Amino acid sequence: MTESEKNISISQEGSGKVGRVIRMGTRKSQLARIQTDSVAFTLKEIYPDVHLEIVAMSTIGDKILDTALSKIGEKSLFTKELENALEKNEVDIVVHSLKDLPTSLPPGFTIGAILQRENPHDAVVLHPKNAGLTLDSLPEKSVIGTSSLRRAAQLKRRFPQLEFENIRGNLNTRLKKLDEKEDYAAIILAAAGLKRMGWESRISQILGPEDCMYAVGQGALAVEVRAQDKDILEMVSVLHHPDTVLRCISERAFLKQLEGGCSVPVAVHTEVKGSMLYLTGAVCSLDGADCLKDTMKISVELDNKVNESAQEFAHVGVTATNVSSNALEAAEKLGVDLANVLLDKGAKDILATARKLNDAR
């Protein structure tokens, strides 16, 4: 019996048909469960004989709710416990928000699928008393809640008349803090999470790239697997959305080359137009005063050359055996090249200063 066969439970159906049981790891939050359920639903449609069991657990990021994410100093805030379960064969696949996954995964793991991206932009959710206003029209000195250094840095630059303060908690908690107190005039949240929760009606304003570019991988769901489990890797690979894969590989390569993370303000914007992939990247100081930004593009014309070895052809932690390897290589190169352009312009100093200031807070 192969190792991957040991990792998969087998159940006998009443019909006498043998079905596989795949254990799906997820965080316990309502949003995480909704996201995992959506992946399970899609897998069940494609593989009706597969039995899916969802295993929910809490992560460090779920347990520490009174400290800014950038201050906790742990790269795998929302993934470590899930990856431990994957390593111990307690689960077979894990569903993540891609933006939570570090650009370098632990040895033996790979991202086997990146699903079609939801709206990756950030959204403004106003306190009910401010209904009908925008960030531009809110009174001067209004306090905006955000848990992200990236959002705060860009918005301080764009809206210097506003003040920004940290707000932690899951989506439900942050909305409750907004609505039940007078501490915040508005909060900034990912539009994708609000939509998946069915709370689109709370979105007052979508922030375009001229106001606030998004986080690497924002809006996309990722399925992490053990790299040696070739059958599971093949099973989940059908979930890959090629354009999303290429966009997110370029974004992750950009962040990795910059050696960035949640403790520094790094932002991106990507588009696929025809056979061209466009990547805009920015590095900002914590107060938004210094910001380096540039755009590059590369051809990612799809061909029939696909990957044959999961380990050999993983790109910033992503294995996409059914996507053109030339396109994957081009997307990764684009991210690295854009990061190097910004590093040559002084991004390293901005990032170093941002890290020091964040550590000193």
Protein backbone atom coordinates (compact mmCIF):
# COMPACT_ATOMS: atom_id res chain seq x y z
CA MET A 1 0.00 0.00 0.00
CA THR A 2 1.36 3.43 -0.93
CA GLU A 3 1.67 6.23 1.63
CA SER A 4 -1.09 8.21 -0.07
CA GLU A 5 -3.40 5.17 0.01
CA LYS A 6 -2.84 4.93 3.78
CA ASN A 7 -3.87 8.59 4.07
CA ILE A 8 -7.30 8.01 2.53
CA SER A 9 -10.07 6.31 4.47
CA ILE A 10 -12.35 3.94 2.57
CA SER A 11 -16.06 3.56 3.28
CA GLN A 12 -18.49 0.94 2.02
CA GLU A 13 -21.74 2.37 0.71
CA GLY A 14 -25.07 0.54 1.00
CA SER A 15 -24.96 -0.08 -2.73
CA GLY A 16 -21.79 -2.05 -2.29
CA LYS A 17 -19.80 0.67 -4.04
CA VAL A 18 -16.53 1.67 -2.44
CA GLY A 19 -16.11 5.42 -1.91
CA ARG A 20 -13.12 7.40 -0.67
CA VAL A 21 -13.33 9.57 2.42
CA ILE A 22 -11.33 12.78 2.09
CA ARG A 23 -10.85 14.76 5.32
CA MET A 24 -10.85 18.52 4.75
CA GLY A 25 -9.15 20.74 7.34
CA THR A 26 -10.42 24.26 7.98
CA ARG A 27 -10.49 27.03 10.57
CA LYS A 28 -13.55 27.20 12.81
CA SER A 29 -14.67 30.70 11.84
CA GLN A 30 -17.99 31.08 10.03
CA LEU A 31 -16.29 32.50 6.94
CA ALA A 32 -13.73 29.66 6.84
CA ARG A 33 -16.52 27.09 7.08
CA ILE A 34 -18.47 28.78 4.28
CA GLN A 35 -15.35 28.79 2.09
CA THR A 36 -14.57 25.14 2.84
CA ASP A 37 -18.18 24.13 2.22
CA SER A 38 -18.05 25.82 -1.20
CA VAL A 39 -14.92 23.84 -2.13
CA ALA A 40 -16.52 20.64 -0.82
CA PHE A 41 -19.65 21.30 -2.89
CA THR A 42 -17.57 21.76 -6.07
CA LEU A 43 -15.54 18.60 -5.40
CA LYS A 44 -18.71 16.61 -4.72
CA GLU A 45 -20.18 17.75 -8.03
CA ILE A 46 -17.07 16.56 -9.89
CA TYR A 47 -16.50 13.40 -7.82
CA PRO A 48 -19.92 12.20 -6.57
CA ASP A 49 -18.45 8.97 -5.12
CA VAL A 50 -16.03 10.81 -2.84
CA HIS A 51 -17.10 11.24 0.80
CA LEU A 52 -15.94 14.49 2.35
CA GLU A 53 -15.49 14.99 6.08
CA ILE A 54 -14.79 18.51 7.38
CA VAL A 55 -12.42 18.83 10.35
CA ALA A 56 -12.50 22.32 11.93
CA MET A 57 -9.82 23.69 14.28
CA SER A 58 -8.64 26.96 15.82
CA THR A 59 -5.36 28.62 14.80
CA ILE A 60 -3.03 31.06 16.58
CA GLY A 61 -4.61 33.95 14.66
CA ASP A 62 -8.07 32.88 15.84
CA LYS A 63 -6.99 32.71 19.49
CA ILE A 64 -5.04 35.99 19.82
CA LEU A 65 -7.65 38.69 19.22
CA ASP A 66 -6.29 41.63 21.21
CA THR A 67 -3.05 42.15 19.26
CA ALA A 68 -2.47 43.48 15.73
CA LEU A 69 -1.57 40.66 13.32
CA SER A 70 1.61 42.50 12.34
CA LYS A 71 2.78 42.46 15.98
CA ILE A 72 2.34 38.76 16.72
CA GLY A 73 5.50 37.87 14.80
CA GLU A 74 4.29 34.53 13.44
CA LYS A 75 4.25 33.96 9.66
CA SER A 76 1.73 31.12 9.78
CA LEU A 77 -0.90 32.76 11.99
CA PHE A 78 -3.88 31.11 10.33
CA THR A 79 -2.23 28.01 8.87
CA LYS A 80 0.18 26.35 11.33
CA GLU A 81 -2.29 24.12 13.20
CA LEU A 82 -3.91 23.09 9.91
CA GLU A 83 -0.54 22.16 8.42
CA ASN A 84 0.35 20.21 11.57
CA ALA A 85 -2.82 18.15 11.05
CA LEU A 86 -1.90 17.66 7.38
CA GLU A 87 1.58 16.49 8.35
CA LYS A 88 0.18 14.00 10.89
CA ASN A 89 -2.27 12.59 8.30
CA GLU A 90 -5.21 13.79 10.43
CA VAL A 91 -6.58 15.56 7.35
CA ASP A 92 -5.95 15.02 3.63
CA ILE A 93 -6.43 18.54 2.28
CA VAL A 94 -6.72 22.00 3.84
CA VAL A 95 -8.74 24.94 2.51
CA HIS A 96 -7.21 28.38 3.12
CA SER A 97 -7.69 31.96 2.10
CA LEU A 98 -4.65 32.20 -0.17
CA LYS A 99 -3.58 35.51 1.38
CA ASP A 100 -3.03 33.66 4.70
CA LEU A 101 -0.48 31.27 3.17
CA PRO A 102 3.20 32.33 3.38
CA THR A 103 5.10 32.42 0.07
CA SER A 104 7.35 29.59 1.30
CA LEU A 105 5.48 26.52 2.49
CA PRO A 106 6.87 23.92 4.89
CA PRO A 107 8.72 21.04 3.16
CA GLY A 108 6.41 18.37 1.81
CA PHE A 109 3.40 20.65 1.25
CA THR A 110 2.10 22.30 -1.90
CA ILE A 111 -0.88 24.36 -3.03
CA GLY A 112 -2.72 21.91 -5.27
CA ALA A 113 -5.50 24.25 -6.36
CA ILE A 114 -6.30 27.96 -6.55
CA LEU A 115 -9.97 28.52 -7.30
CA GLN A 116 -11.48 31.33 -9.35
CA ARG A 117 -10.94 34.57 -7.53
CA GLU A 118 -13.75 36.52 -5.90
CA ASN A 119 -13.52 40.35 -6.03
CA PRO A 120 -10.04 40.97 -4.53
CA HIS A 121 -10.60 44.63 -3.64
CA ASP A 122 -11.13 46.13 -0.20
CA ALA A 123 -14.50 47.51 0.86
CA VAL A 124 -15.62 50.34 3.12
CA VAL A 125 -18.31 49.43 5.66
CA LEU A 126 -19.78 52.54 7.28
CA HIS A 127 -21.23 52.97 10.76
CA PRO A 128 -25.03 53.15 10.22
CA LYS A 129 -25.05 56.84 11.24
CA ASN A 130 -22.76 57.60 8.25
CA ALA A 131 -24.94 55.89 5.64
CA GLY A 132 -24.55 57.45 2.21
CA LEU A 133 -21.09 58.90 2.83
CA THR A 134 -17.71 57.86 1.39
CA LEU A 135 -14.16 58.10 2.71
CA ASP A 136 -13.90 61.40 0.84
CA SER A 137 -17.02 62.87 2.43
CA LEU A 138 -16.63 61.65 6.03
CA PRO A 139 -15.95 64.44 8.56
CA GLU A 140 -12.30 65.32 9.15
CA LYS A 141 -10.58 63.24 11.89
CA SER A 142 -13.10 60.40 11.46
CA VAL A 143 -11.61 57.15 12.76
CA ILE A 144 -11.34 54.24 10.33
CA GLY A 145 -10.74 50.73 11.69
CA THR A 146 -8.40 48.34 9.91
CA SER A 147 -6.20 45.46 11.04
CA SER A 148 -3.92 45.79 8.00
CA LEU A 149 -0.71 47.85 7.73
CA ARG A 150 -1.12 47.69 3.94
CA ARG A 151 -4.58 49.27 4.02
CA ALA A 152 -3.63 51.86 6.62
CA ALA A 153 -0.48 52.98 4.77
CA GLN A 154 -2.24 53.46 1.43
CA LEU A 155 -5.32 55.10 2.90
CA LYS A 156 -3.31 57.51 5.08
CA ARG A 157 -1.63 58.65 1.88
CA ARG A 158 -4.89 58.95 -0.06
CA PHE A 159 -7.09 60.31 2.77
CA PRO A 160 -4.78 62.32 5.09
CA GLN A 161 -7.77 63.98 6.74
CA LEU A 162 -8.86 60.67 8.33
CA GLU A 163 -7.40 58.74 11.27
CA PHE A 164 -6.73 55.01 11.29
CA GLU A 165 -6.81 52.64 14.24
CA ASN A 166 -6.35 48.90 14.64
CA ILE A 167 -9.40 46.63 14.88
CA ARG A 168 -9.14 42.84 15.34
CA GLY A 169 -11.54 39.91 15.32
CA ASN A 170 -13.31 37.86 12.68
CA LEU A 171 -15.78 39.52 10.31
CA ASN A 172 -18.71 39.09 12.70
CA THR A 173 -16.74 40.60 15.61
CA ARG A 174 -15.48 43.58 13.64
CA LEU A 175 -18.92 44.43 12.31
CA LYS A 176 -20.33 44.19 15.84
CA LYS A 177 -17.61 46.54 17.13
CA LEU A 178 -18.49 49.00 14.36
CA ASP A 179 -22.26 48.92 14.81
CA GLU A 180 -22.56 48.76 18.61
CA LYS A 181 -19.99 51.41 19.53
CA GLU A 182 -19.10 54.90 18.39
CA ASP A 183 -15.36 54.15 18.13
CA TYR A 184 -15.23 53.92 14.33
CA ALA A 185 -16.85 55.92 11.54
CA ALA A 186 -16.14 53.00 9.19
CA ILE A 187 -14.03 49.87 8.87
CA ILE A 188 -12.16 48.40 5.91
CA LEU A 189 -12.74 44.73 5.06
CA ALA A 190 -12.08 42.42 2.12
CA ALA A 191 -15.04 42.57 -0.28
CA ALA A 192 -14.68 38.83 -0.96
CA GLY A 193 -15.32 37.86 2.66
CA LEU A 194 -18.38 40.09 2.92
CA LYS A 195 -19.80 38.62 -0.28
CA ARG A 196 -19.19 35.02 0.82
CA MET A 197 -20.92 35.76 4.14
CA GLY A 198 -23.94 37.18 2.28
CA TRP A 199 -23.30 40.68 3.61
CA GLU A 200 -22.86 42.55 0.32
CA SER A 201 -25.53 45.01 1.43
CA ARG A 202 -23.07 46.34 4.06
CA ILE A 203 -20.58 47.42 1.40
CA SER A 204 -20.72 51.21 1.08
CA GLN A 205 -17.76 51.63 -1.26
CA ILE A 206 -15.34 49.39 -3.17
CA LEU A 207 -11.80 50.77 -3.11
CA GLY A 208 -10.18 50.75 -6.55
CA PRO A 209 -6.42 50.50 -7.12
CA GLU A 210 -6.05 54.29 -7.15
CA ASP A 211 -7.21 54.32 -3.50
CA CYS A 212 -5.98 51.00 -2.09
CA MET A 213 -4.41 48.05 -3.88
CA TYR A 214 -5.08 44.63 -2.39
CA ALA A 215 -3.05 42.00 -0.56
CA VAL A 216 -1.20 39.21 -2.34
CA GLY A 217 -3.69 36.41 -3.05
CA GLN A 218 -6.67 38.33 -1.65
CA GLY A 219 -10.05 36.97 -2.75
CA ALA A 220 -8.71 33.56 -3.82
CA LEU A 221 -9.16 30.22 -2.06
CA ALA A 222 -6.31 27.69 -2.00
CA VAL A 223 -6.27 23.95 -1.37
CA GLU A 224 -3.08 22.76 0.35
CA VAL A 225 -2.07 19.09 0.14
CA ARG A 226 0.88 16.82 0.85
CA ALA A 227 3.11 17.03 -2.21
CA GLN A 228 3.67 13.25 -2.33
CA ASP A 229 -0.08 12.47 -2.44
CA LYS A 230 -0.21 12.39 -6.22
CA ASP A 231 -3.77 11.04 -6.40
CA ILE A 232 -5.15 13.80 -4.17
CA LEU A 233 -3.05 16.38 -6.03
CA GLU A 234 -4.56 15.17 -9.29
CA MET A 235 -8.06 15.18 -7.81
CA VAL A 236 -7.94 18.80 -6.59
CA SER A 237 -6.05 20.11 -9.65
CA VAL A 238 -9.33 20.34 -11.60
CA LEU A 239 -10.27 23.22 -9.29
CA HIS A 240 -7.46 25.41 -10.64
CA HIS A 241 -8.63 28.59 -12.43
CA PRO A 242 -5.79 29.36 -14.89
CA ASP A 243 -6.06 33.18 -14.91
CA THR A 244 -6.29 33.29 -11.10
CA VAL A 245 -3.33 30.91 -10.81
CA LEU A 246 -1.15 33.10 -13.04
CA ARG A 247 -2.16 36.32 -11.27
CA CYS A 248 -1.53 34.87 -7.82
CA ILE A 249 1.81 33.28 -8.76
CA SER A 250 3.06 36.66 -9.99
CA GLU A 251 1.83 38.31 -6.77
CA ARG A 252 3.39 35.67 -4.51
CA ALA A 253 6.70 35.83 -6.41
CA PHE A 254 6.69 39.63 -6.00
CA LEU A 255 6.14 39.36 -2.24
CA LYS A 256 8.68 36.56 -1.82
CA GLN A 257 11.40 38.48 -3.66
CA LEU A 258 10.72 41.51 -1.46
CA GLU A 259 10.83 39.27 1.63
CA GLY A 260 7.58 40.89 2.69
CA GLY A 261 4.77 39.71 4.96
CA CYS A 262 1.98 41.08 7.13
CA SER A 263 4.51 43.19 9.11
CA VAL A 264 5.18 45.45 6.12
CA PRO A 265 2.87 47.34 3.72
CA VAL A 266 3.08 45.55 0.34
CA ALA A 267 0.20 45.83 -2.13
CA VAL A 268 -0.58 44.50 -5.61
CA HIS A 269 -3.00 44.70 -8.51
CA THR A 270 -3.07 42.16 -11.37
CA GLU A 271 -4.99 41.73 -14.60
CA VAL A 272 -4.95 39.27 -17.49
CA LYS A 273 -5.79 40.98 -20.78
CA GLY A 274 -5.69 38.62 -23.74
CA SER A 275 -2.33 36.85 -23.51
CA MET A 276 -0.74 39.55 -21.33
CA LEU A 277 -0.41 39.48 -17.54
CA TYR A 278 -0.12 42.90 -15.88
CA LEU A 279 1.26 43.28 -12.35
CA THR A 280 1.31 46.53 -10.37
CA GLY A 281 3.14 46.39 -7.06
CA ALA A 282 3.70 48.91 -4.30
CA VAL A 283 5.82 49.16 -1.17
CA CYS A 284 4.89 51.85 1.35
CA SER A 285 6.15 53.26 4.63
CA LEU A 286 3.84 52.74 7.63
CA ASP A 287 2.58 56.33 7.47
CA GLY A 288 2.13 56.21 3.69
CA ALA A 289 4.52 59.14 3.16
CA ASP A 290 6.94 57.05 1.09
CA CYS A 291 5.50 54.77 -1.55
CA LEU A 292 7.24 53.07 -4.45
CA LYS A 293 4.97 51.76 -7.18
CA ASP A 294 5.47 50.35 -10.68
CA THR A 295 3.75 48.20 -13.30
CA MET A 296 5.16 45.52 -15.60
CA LYS A 297 3.65 43.04 -18.02
CA ILE A 298 4.59 39.73 -19.63
CA SER A 299 3.10 37.35 -22.19
CA VAL A 300 1.44 34.29 -20.65
CA GLU A 301 0.03 32.81 -23.84
CA LEU A 302 -1.19 29.33 -22.99
CA ASP A 303 0.30 26.34 -24.78
CA ASN A 304 0.08 22.59 -24.40
CA LYS A 305 3.27 22.22 -22.38
CA VAL A 306 2.18 21.24 -18.87
CA ASN A 307 3.95 20.12 -15.74
CA GLU A 308 4.84 16.50 -15.18
CA SER A 309 6.58 16.64 -11.78
CA ALA A 310 4.87 18.24 -8.78
CA GLN A 311 8.06 18.77 -6.82
CA GLU A 312 10.18 19.99 -9.70
CA PHE A 313 7.71 22.51 -11.07
CA ALA A 314 6.16 24.10 -7.97
CA HIS A 315 6.04 27.90 -8.37
CA VAL A 316 6.11 29.86 -5.08
CA GLY A 317 4.44 26.89 -3.43
CA VAL A 318 1.87 26.30 -6.18
CA THR A 319 1.65 23.08 -8.20
CA ALA A 320 -0.51 23.52 -11.30
CA THR A 321 -0.02 20.43 -13.43
CA ASN A 322 -2.83 21.39 -15.81
CA VAL A 323 -1.63 24.94 -16.57
CA SER A 324 0.99 25.79 -19.21
CA SER A 325 4.42 25.57 -17.60
CA ASN A 326 5.68 28.38 -19.87
CA ALA A 327 2.90 30.64 -18.57
CA LEU A 328 3.64 29.67 -14.94
CA GLU A 329 7.34 30.43 -15.39
CA ALA A 330 6.50 33.78 -17.02
CA ALA A 331 4.14 34.74 -14.19
CA GLU A 332 6.77 33.95 -11.55
CA LYS A 333 9.42 35.85 -13.51
CA LEU A 334 7.13 38.89 -13.71
CA GLY A 335 6.79 39.01 -9.93
CA VAL A 336 10.52 38.63 -9.33
CA ASP A 337 11.41 41.23 -11.97
CA LEU A 338 8.97 43.84 -10.61
CA ALA A 339 10.23 43.30 -7.07
CA ASN A 340 13.81 43.82 -8.26
CA VAL A 341 12.80 47.08 -9.98
CA LEU A 342 11.34 48.39 -6.71
CA LEU A 343 14.32 47.11 -4.70
CA ASP A 344 16.63 49.03 -7.05
CA LYS A 345 14.55 52.16 -6.37
CA GLY A 346 14.95 51.85 -2.60
CA ALA A 347 12.20 49.45 -1.48
CA LYS A 348 14.61 47.60 0.80
CA ASP A 349 15.13 50.69 2.97
CA ILE A 350 11.39 51.40 3.15
CA LEU A 351 10.68 47.80 4.19
CA ALA A 352 13.50 47.74 6.75
CA THR A 353 12.28 50.97 8.34
CA ALA A 354 8.67 49.70 8.36
CA ARG A 355 9.75 46.49 10.14
CA LYS A 356 11.73 48.41 12.76
CA LEU A 357 8.90 50.86 13.45
CA ASN A 358 6.36 48.06 13.65
CA ASP A 359 8.56 46.08 16.07
CA ALA A 360 9.03 49.17 18.25
CA ARG A 361 5.30 49.81 18.62
